[in-house]
Protein backbone atom coordinates (compact mmCIF):
# COMPACT_ATOMS: atom_id res chain seq x y z
CA UNK A 1 -0.13 -0.02 0.03
CA UNK A 2 2.75 2.18 0.47
CA UNK A 3 3.35 1.95 -3.62
CA UNK A 4 -0.21 2.51 -3.99
CA UNK A 5 0.01 5.90 -1.78
CA UNK A 6 2.64 6.97 -3.82
CA UNK A 7 1.21 6.76 -7.07
CA UNK A 8 -1.90 8.19 -5.58
CA UNK A 9 0.07 11.25 -4.35
CA UNK A 10 2.07 11.45 -7.75
CA UNK A 11 -1.38 11.67 -9.60
CA UNK A 12 -2.83 14.24 -7.46
CA UNK A 13 0.42 16.39 -7.60
CA UNK A 14 0.50 16.08 -11.49
CA UNK A 15 -3.14 17.61 -11.50
CA UNK A 16 -2.32 20.12 -9.19
CA UNK A 17 0.41 21.57 -11.06
CA UNK A 18 -1.46 21.33 -14.72
CA UNK A 19 -1.80 24.36 -16.29
CA UNK A 20 -4.70 26.55 -14.38
CA UNK A 21 -7.88 27.21 -17.09
CA UNK A 22 -9.88 29.13 -14.88
CA UNK A 23 -10.54 32.61 -14.99
CA UNK A 24 -9.64 35.34 -11.96
CA UNK A 25 -13.43 35.76 -11.46
CA UNK A 26 -14.28 31.88 -11.67
CA UNK A 27 -15.50 31.77 -7.77
CA UNK A 28 -16.00 28.28 -6.20
CA UNK A 29 -19.27 26.98 -5.70
CA UNK A 30 -21.39 23.95 -4.41
CA UNK A 31 -23.24 22.25 -6.63
CA UNK A 32 -24.59 18.51 -7.43
CA UNK A 33 -27.59 16.21 -6.11
CA UNK A 34 -29.20 12.79 -6.33
CA UNK A 35 -29.54 11.78 -9.69
CA UNK A 36 -31.09 8.61 -8.45
CA UNK A 37 -33.27 8.17 -5.76
CA UNK A 38 -35.42 5.01 -6.91
CA UNK A 39 -38.02 1.81 -6.06
CA UNK A 40 -37.16 -1.54 -7.99
CA UNK A 41 -39.61 -3.78 -8.53
CA UNK A 42 -39.51 -7.60 -10.19
CA UNK A 43 -40.03 -10.96 -9.74
CA UNK A 44 -36.81 -11.29 -7.69
CA UNK A 45 -38.34 -8.82 -5.24
CA UNK A 46 -38.08 -5.17 -4.40
CA UNK A 47 -35.27 -2.88 -3.66
CA UNK A 48 -34.52 0.84 -3.52
CA UNK A 49 -31.28 2.66 -4.39
CA UNK A 50 -29.73 5.90 -4.19
CA UNK A 51 -27.01 7.59 -6.49
CA UNK A 52 -25.87 11.18 -5.41
CA UNK A 53 -23.04 13.32 -6.39
CA UNK A 54 -21.76 16.94 -4.79
CA UNK A 55 -18.87 19.08 -5.75
CA UNK A 56 -17.45 22.37 -4.58
CA UNK A 57 -14.68 24.13 -6.73
CA UNK A 58 -14.31 26.17 -10.17
CA UNK A 59 -14.38 25.41 -13.53
CA UNK A 60 -11.12 23.77 -12.86
CA UNK A 61 -10.69 22.37 -9.82
CA UNK A 62 -13.18 20.53 -7.62
CA UNK A 63 -13.65 18.39 -4.63
CA UNK A 64 -16.49 15.90 -5.24
CA UNK A 65 -18.23 13.25 -2.62
CA UNK A 66 -20.09 10.52 -4.46
CA UNK A 67 -22.61 8.41 -2.28
CA UNK A 68 -24.27 5.26 -3.39
CA UNK A 69 -26.01 2.53 -1.51
CA UNK A 70 -29.17 0.56 -1.05
CA UNK A 71 -31.07 -2.85 -0.26
CA UNK A 72 -34.22 -5.29 -0.44
CA UNK A 73 -37.24 -2.97 0.28
CA UNK A 74 -38.70 -3.70 3.98
CA UNK A 75 -35.22 -4.94 4.78
CA UNK A 76 -31.71 -4.07 5.87
CA UNK A 77 -29.75 -1.64 3.45
CA UNK A 78 -27.36 -4.26 1.88
CA UNK A 79 -24.52 -1.62 0.52
CA UNK A 80 -23.42 1.89 1.37
CA UNK A 81 -20.31 3.26 -0.22
CA UNK A 82 -18.54 6.92 -0.66
CA UNK A 83 -15.97 8.00 -3.01
CA UNK A 84 -14.05 11.57 -2.06
CA UNK A 85 -12.24 13.03 -5.29
CA UNK A 86 -10.08 15.60 -6.21
CA UNK A 87 -10.63 16.66 -9.76
CA UNK A 88 -9.02 18.73 -12.40
CA UNK A 89 -10.61 19.54 -15.41
CA UNK A 90 -8.05 18.73 -18.17
CA UNK A 91 -9.88 20.00 -21.13
CA UNK A 92 -13.33 21.61 -21.68
CA UNK A 93 -15.69 18.61 -21.16
CA UNK A 94 -13.14 16.24 -19.12
CA UNK A 95 -12.29 15.87 -15.68
CA UNK A 96 -9.86 13.74 -14.00
CA UNK A 97 -10.16 12.22 -10.63
CA UNK A 98 -7.84 10.81 -7.92
CA UNK A 99 -9.13 9.86 -4.68
CA UNK A 100 -10.26 7.07 -2.50
CA UNK A 101 -13.25 5.06 -2.17
CA UNK A 102 -14.83 3.84 1.23
CA UNK A 103 -17.05 0.47 1.30
CA UNK A 104 -19.22 0.92 4.54
CA UNK A 105 -21.45 -2.17 3.90
CA UNK A 106 -20.92 -5.14 3.06
CA UNK A 107 -17.29 -4.84 3.72
CA UNK A 108 -16.84 -2.07 6.33
CA UNK A 109 -13.30 -2.40 6.19
CA UNK A 110 -12.57 -2.19 2.73
CA UNK A 111 -10.96 0.74 1.12
CA UNK A 112 -9.74 1.76 -2.13
CA UNK A 113 -7.38 4.04 -4.10
CA UNK A 114 -9.56 5.59 -7.15
CA UNK A 115 -9.04 7.13 -10.41
CA UNK A 116 -11.77 8.43 -12.90
CA UNK A 117 -12.48 9.84 -15.62
CA UNK A 118 -15.85 12.18 -16.85
CA UNK A 119 -16.58 13.25 -20.17
CA UNK A 120 -19.55 15.06 -22.16
CA UNK A 121 -20.12 14.82 -25.97
CA UNK A 122 -22.49 17.14 -26.91
CA UNK A 123 -24.86 18.51 -24.66
CA UNK A 124 -26.93 14.84 -24.50
CA UNK A 125 -23.81 12.33 -23.93
CA UNK A 126 -22.23 11.79 -20.92
CA UNK A 127 -19.55 9.17 -19.95
CA UNK A 128 -17.51 8.13 -17.01
CA UNK A 129 -15.02 5.34 -16.17
CA UNK A 130 -13.59 4.42 -13.07
CA UNK A 131 -10.23 1.91 -11.39
CA UNK A 132 -10.10 0.94 -7.95
CA UNK A 133 -7.04 -0.69 -6.37
CA UNK A 134 -8.31 -2.05 -2.97
CA UNK A 135 -6.02 -2.30 0.19
CA UNK A 136 -5.82 -6.28 -0.71
CA UNK A 137 -4.37 -5.44 -3.82
CA UNK A 138 -7.57 -6.35 -6.00
CA UNK A 139 -7.75 -3.87 -9.23
CA UNK A 140 -11.45 -3.27 -10.40
CA UNK A 141 -13.64 -1.09 -11.96
CA UNK A 142 -16.68 0.15 -13.98
CA UNK A 143 -17.87 2.22 -16.81
CA UNK A 144 -21.03 4.22 -17.54
CA UNK A 145 -22.50 6.06 -20.66
CA UNK A 146 -25.79 8.04 -20.30
CA UNK A 147 -27.55 9.74 -23.12
CA UNK A 148 -30.59 12.36 -22.63
CA UNK A 149 -32.64 12.50 -25.57
CA UNK A 150 -35.69 15.22 -25.36
CA UNK A 151 -39.29 14.58 -26.20
CA UNK A 152 -40.31 17.70 -25.18
CA UNK A 153 -39.64 20.99 -23.21
CA UNK A 154 -39.91 19.03 -19.57
CA UNK A 155 -39.93 15.35 -21.24
CA UNK A 156 -36.56 12.99 -22.38
CA UNK A 157 -35.57 9.65 -22.44
CA UNK A 158 -32.53 8.61 -20.81
CA UNK A 159 -30.90 5.36 -21.60
CA UNK A 160 -27.90 4.30 -19.92
CA UNK A 161 -25.67 1.29 -20.15
CA UNK A 162 -22.80 0.39 -17.58
CA UNK A 163 -20.45 -2.25 -17.20
CA UNK A 164 -18.29 -3.55 -14.47
CA UNK A 165 -14.75 -5.90 -14.44
CA UNK A 166 -12.48 -7.25 -12.36
CA UNK A 167 -8.52 -7.81 -13.11
CA UNK A 168 -8.65 -10.96 -10.94
CA UNK A 169 -10.70 -13.39 -9.29
CA UNK A 170 -12.46 -12.37 -6.09
CA UNK A 171 -13.51 -15.58 -4.34
CA UNK A 172 -15.15 -13.46 -1.32
CA UNK A 173 -17.10 -11.66 -4.10
CA UNK A 174 -17.94 -14.59 -5.91
CA UNK A 175 -16.07 -12.63 -9.18
CA UNK A 176 -14.37 -14.09 -11.65
CA UNK A 177 -11.47 -12.13 -14.06
CA UNK A 178 -13.25 -10.02 -17.08
CA UNK A 179 -15.72 -8.27 -17.38
CA UNK A 180 -18.31 -9.46 -14.43
CA UNK A 181 -21.75 -7.41 -14.63
CA UNK A 182 -23.50 -5.08 -16.81
CA UNK A 183 -26.67 -3.25 -16.49
CA UNK A 184 -28.71 -1.44 -19.40
CA UNK A 185 -31.61 1.10 -17.96
CA UNK A 186 -34.41 3.40 -19.91
CA UNK A 187 -35.73 6.12 -17.75
CA UNK A 188 -38.54 8.39 -18.96
CA UNK A 189 -37.92 11.57 -17.03
CA UNK A 190 -40.02 14.72 -16.07
CA UNK A 191 -38.77 17.96 -15.25
CA UNK A 192 -41.38 18.90 -12.20
CA UNK A 193 -39.00 21.98 -12.00
CA UNK A 194 -35.56 23.31 -13.22
CA UNK A 195 -34.15 21.28 -9.83
CA UNK A 196 -36.73 18.53 -9.44
CA UNK A 197 -37.56 15.66 -11.98
CA UNK A 198 -39.44 12.09 -11.55
CA UNK A 199 -39.09 9.19 -13.52
CA UNK A 200 -40.09 5.61 -14.46
CA UNK A 201 -38.33 3.09 -16.40
CA UNK A 202 -36.89 -0.49 -16.65
CA UNK A 203 -33.93 -2.00 -15.77
CA UNK A 204 -32.31 -5.00 -16.77
CA UNK A 205 -29.25 -6.63 -15.06
CA UNK A 206 -27.22 -9.35 -15.71
CA UNK A 207 -23.84 -11.29 -14.80
CA UNK A 208 -20.98 -11.72 -17.55
CA UNK A 209 -18.26 -13.75 -18.59
CA UNK A 210 -16.95 -16.23 -16.17
CA UNK A 211 -18.54 -14.56 -13.27
CA UNK A 212 -21.81 -15.52 -14.68
CA UNK A 213 -20.71 -19.04 -15.48
CA UNK A 214 -19.56 -19.30 -11.49
CA UNK A 215 -23.04 -17.86 -10.50
CA UNK A 216 -25.15 -20.34 -12.39
CA UNK A 217 -22.96 -23.49 -11.61
CA UNK A 218 -23.90 -22.48 -7.96
CA UNK A 219 -27.62 -22.38 -8.48
CA UNK A 220 -27.81 -18.12 -8.30
CA UNK A 221 -29.48 -15.88 -10.91
CA UNK A 222 -27.71 -14.32 -13.61
CA UNK A 223 -30.07 -11.87 -14.82
CA UNK A 224 -33.33 -9.50 -13.80
CA UNK A 225 -35.11 -7.08 -15.04
CA UNK A 226 -36.95 -4.97 -12.89
CA UNK A 227 -39.54 -1.71 -13.21
CA UNK A 228 -38.31 1.54 -11.89
CA UNK A 229 -39.83 4.68 -10.46
CA UNK A 230 -37.68 7.59 -8.38
CA UNK A 231 -36.98 11.07 -8.80
CA UNK A 232 -33.74 12.93 -8.71
CA UNK A 233 -32.91 16.65 -7.76
CA UNK A 234 -30.14 18.91 -7.97
CA UNK A 235 -28.93 21.82 -5.53
């Protein structure tokens, strides 16, 4: 972990030492909110989850906090995760992130060094990708693409595709090397106000590759399709 800490420090130093792009009058501000606060229901049961991002900074440098979690409806919360990043804008629409990830559930002792990139293409397509190196030496990652398709001034369709991967097998998580899971979602969102929206949609999740084969051999479910309803809000 000393080598990992040194690498993370070097990345942060490199980002902080890059050319400043912000204007002198580019004041720091707080932004963000919860993109997803939703209920999912399907044959496998009902679940709820949340996904929120908050950042403080200017157009060049930001501190970013990501909060994610969820669990079975009516039961205990199964997953709680926080990520804290320093973000540096390296072009007009791309932000490089370096920081840490802490899992509070299901493995409360797990901590990770984290690197990420956020980007935007045009006004409708957003993408993000992350890599995590745990304190046990496990390298994993995830990526997501989000597209916003306007229908009316307030109504828009939002398809998303996400995928997770692992560089090695992790027995305690029943994970094998390669792509491990994928998710495709379509949400129909309606803007109630400039800061609040409500949505409904469908999400399909499935395990991938050798992780899928392992789960099938153990009699576990390898895919699910659920209806979703929820809301999002921004500061």
